[in-house]
Amino acid sequence: MADNNQPSALDKEQIFGMAEKEMEYRVELFNKLTHTCFNKCIEKRYKESELNMGENSCIDRCVSKYWQDCRVTNLIGQLLGSNRPPM
């Protein structure tokens, strides 16, 4: 960083690069979640214009499990990346 606490051009480039990677990761995660839960929970032949109670419950559980799994995976990645033993 520069003396006046302003990020240098290289720092800004790294920050934008990291933000771009984070956005790509989040979009990919959302797309996978949507695809997985839709295929698992929604009937292939639409009978109604709205989701029924069973589909709603299935999607709620699927999304919850997906997010929980992603948090665990991220935690493991952070622990491995920091070279710290787990608590």
C-alpha atoms as a PDB file:
ATOM      1  CA  MET A   1       0.000   0.000   0.000  1.00  0.00           C
ATOM      2  CA  ALA A   2       1.069   3.565  -0.523  1.00  0.00           C
ATOM      3  CA  ASP A   3       2.081   5.875   2.320  1.00  0.00           C
ATOM      4  CA  ASN A   4      -1.243   7.738   2.314  1.00  0.00           C
ATOM      5  CA  ASN A   5      -3.209   4.526   2.991  1.00  0.00           C
ATOM      6  CA  GLN A   6      -4.495   4.451  -0.588  1.00  0.00           C
ATOM      7  CA  PRO A   7      -4.187   1.112  -2.387  1.00  0.00           C
ATOM      8  CA  SER A   8      -1.687   1.025  -5.225  1.00  0.00           C
ATOM      9  CA  ALA A   9      -2.693   0.126  -8.765  1.00  0.00           C
ATOM     10  CA  LEU A  10      -1.416  -3.426  -8.174  1.00  0.00           C
ATOM     11  CA  ASP A  11      -3.422  -3.704  -4.945  1.00  0.00           C
ATOM     12  CA  LYS A  12      -6.558  -2.476  -6.716  1.00  0.00           C
ATOM     13  CA  GLU A  13      -6.015  -4.985  -9.514  1.00  0.00           C
ATOM     14  CA  GLN A  14      -5.650  -7.813  -6.991  1.00  0.00           C
ATOM     15  CA  ILE A  15      -8.746  -6.675  -5.096  1.00  0.00           C
ATOM     16  CA  PHE A  16     -10.818  -6.549  -8.287  1.00  0.00           C
ATOM     17  CA  GLY A  17      -9.448  -9.934  -9.356  1.00  0.00           C
ATOM     18  CA  MET A  18     -10.427 -11.469  -6.016  1.00  0.00           C
ATOM     19  CA  ALA A  19     -13.875  -9.859  -6.176  1.00  0.00           C
ATOM     20  CA  GLU A  20     -14.354 -11.184  -9.702  1.00  0.00           C
ATOM     21  CA  LYS A  21     -13.393 -14.724  -8.620  1.00  0.00           C
ATOM     22  CA  GLU A  22     -15.757 -14.480  -5.637  1.00  0.00           C
ATOM     23  CA  MET A  23     -18.613 -13.377  -7.903  1.00  0.00           C
ATOM     24  CA  GLU A  24     -17.919 -16.216 -10.350  1.00  0.00           C
ATOM     25  CA  TYR A  25     -17.905 -18.678  -7.440  1.00  0.00           C
ATOM     26  CA  ARG A  26     -21.206 -17.375  -6.077  1.00  0.00           C
ATOM     27  CA  VAL A  27     -22.898 -17.459  -9.496  1.00  0.00           C
ATOM     28  CA  GLU A  28     -21.654 -21.023 -10.059  1.00  0.00           C
ATOM     29  CA  LEU A  29     -22.863 -22.032  -6.588  1.00  0.00           C
ATOM     30  CA  PHE A  30     -26.296 -20.501  -7.201  1.00  0.00           C
ATOM     31  CA  ASN A  31     -26.599 -22.201 -10.595  1.00  0.00           C
ATOM     32  CA  LYS A  32     -25.636 -25.593  -9.158  1.00  0.00           C
ATOM     33  CA  LEU A  33     -28.037 -25.167  -6.242  1.00  0.00           C
ATOM     34  CA  THR A  34     -30.887 -24.167  -8.556  1.00  0.00           C
ATOM     35  CA  HIS A  35     -30.234 -27.032 -10.977  1.00  0.00           C
ATOM     36  CA  THR A  36     -29.831 -29.664  -8.255  1.00  0.00           C
ATOM     37  CA  CYS A  37     -32.845 -28.681  -6.173  1.00  0.00           C
ATOM     38  CA  PHE A  38     -35.092 -28.133  -9.213  1.00  0.00           C
ATOM     39  CA  ASN A  39     -34.278 -31.560 -10.631  1.00  0.00           C
ATOM     40  CA  LYS A  40     -34.722 -33.210  -7.254  1.00  0.00           C
ATOM     41  CA  CYS A  41     -37.920 -31.493  -6.122  1.00  0.00           C
ATOM     42  CA  ILE A  42     -40.011 -30.382  -9.089  1.00  0.00           C
ATOM     43  CA  GLU A  43     -42.094 -32.850 -11.044  1.00  0.00           C
ATOM     44  CA  LYS A  44     -41.261 -33.024 -14.741  1.00  0.00           C
ATOM     45  CA  ARG A  45     -44.899 -32.633 -15.764  1.00  0.00           C
ATOM     46  CA  TYR A  46     -46.309 -29.409 -14.396  1.00  0.00           C
ATOM     47  CA  LYS A  47     -49.797 -29.822 -12.959  1.00  0.00           C
ATOM     48  CA  GLU A  48     -50.186 -26.435 -11.276  1.00  0.00           C
ATOM     49  CA  SER A  49     -48.843 -22.934 -11.819  1.00  0.00           C
ATOM     50  CA  GLU A  50     -47.625 -22.717  -8.201  1.00  0.00           C
ATOM     51  CA  LEU A  51     -45.394 -25.033  -6.195  1.00  0.00           C
ATOM     52  CA  ASN A  52     -47.330 -27.460  -4.039  1.00  0.00           C
ATOM     53  CA  MET A  53     -46.583 -28.027  -0.340  1.00  0.00           C
ATOM     54  CA  GLY A  54     -44.394 -31.070  -0.983  1.00  0.00           C
ATOM     55  CA  GLU A  55     -42.304 -29.238  -3.588  1.00  0.00           C
ATOM     56  CA  ASN A  56     -41.922 -26.236  -1.282  1.00  0.00           C
ATOM     57  CA  SER A  57     -40.769 -28.445   1.592  1.00  0.00           C
ATOM     58  CA  CYS A  58     -38.368 -30.354  -0.639  1.00  0.00           C
ATOM     59  CA  ILE A  59     -36.816 -27.156  -2.007  1.00  0.00           C
ATOM     60  CA  ASP A  60     -36.493 -25.695   1.496  1.00  0.00           C
ATOM     61  CA  ARG A  61     -34.677 -28.812   2.749  1.00  0.00           C
ATOM     62  CA  CYS A  62     -32.536 -29.084  -0.381  1.00  0.00           C
ATOM     63  CA  VAL A  63     -31.359 -25.468  -0.224  1.00  0.00           C
ATOM     64  CA  SER A  64     -30.704 -25.736   3.509  1.00  0.00           C
ATOM     65  CA  LYS A  65     -28.590 -28.875   3.054  1.00  0.00           C
ATOM     66  CA  TYR A  66     -26.758 -27.355   0.092  1.00  0.00           C
ATOM     67  CA  TRP A  67     -25.802 -24.224   2.062  1.00  0.00           C
ATOM     68  CA  GLN A  68     -24.792 -26.291   5.080  1.00  0.00           C
ATOM     69  CA  ASP A  69     -22.569 -28.463   2.897  1.00  0.00           C
ATOM     70  CA  CYS A  70     -20.987 -25.383   1.291  1.00  0.00           C
ATOM     71  CA  ARG A  71     -20.206 -23.845   4.695  1.00  0.00           C
ATOM     72  CA  VAL A  72     -18.497 -27.050   5.839  1.00  0.00           C
ATOM     73  CA  THR A  73     -16.537 -27.251   2.583  1.00  0.00           C
ATOM     74  CA  ASN A  74     -15.453 -23.607   2.912  1.00  0.00           C
ATOM     75  CA  LEU A  75     -14.386 -24.145   6.534  1.00  0.00           C
ATOM     76  CA  ILE A  76     -12.275 -27.146   5.560  1.00  0.00           C
ATOM     77  CA  GLY A  77     -10.732 -25.149   2.714  1.00  0.00           C
ATOM     78  CA  GLN A  78      -9.900 -22.279   5.066  1.00  0.00           C
ATOM     79  CA  LEU A  79      -8.311 -24.648   7.583  1.00  0.00           C
ATOM     80  CA  LEU A  80      -6.259 -26.345   4.888  1.00  0.00           C
ATOM     81  CA  GLY A  81      -5.278 -23.014   3.377  1.00  0.00           C
ATOM     82  CA  SER A  82      -4.103 -21.579   6.675  1.00  0.00           C
ATOM     83  CA  ASN A  83      -2.058 -24.694   7.558  1.00  0.00           C
ATOM     84  CA  ARG A  84      -3.669 -24.753  10.991  1.00  0.00           C
ATOM     85  CA  PRO A  85      -4.825 -27.919  12.674  1.00  0.00           C
ATOM     86  CA  PRO A  86      -8.589 -28.135  13.258  1.00  0.00           C
ATOM     87  CA  MET A  87      -9.821 -27.210  16.718  1.00  0.00           C
END
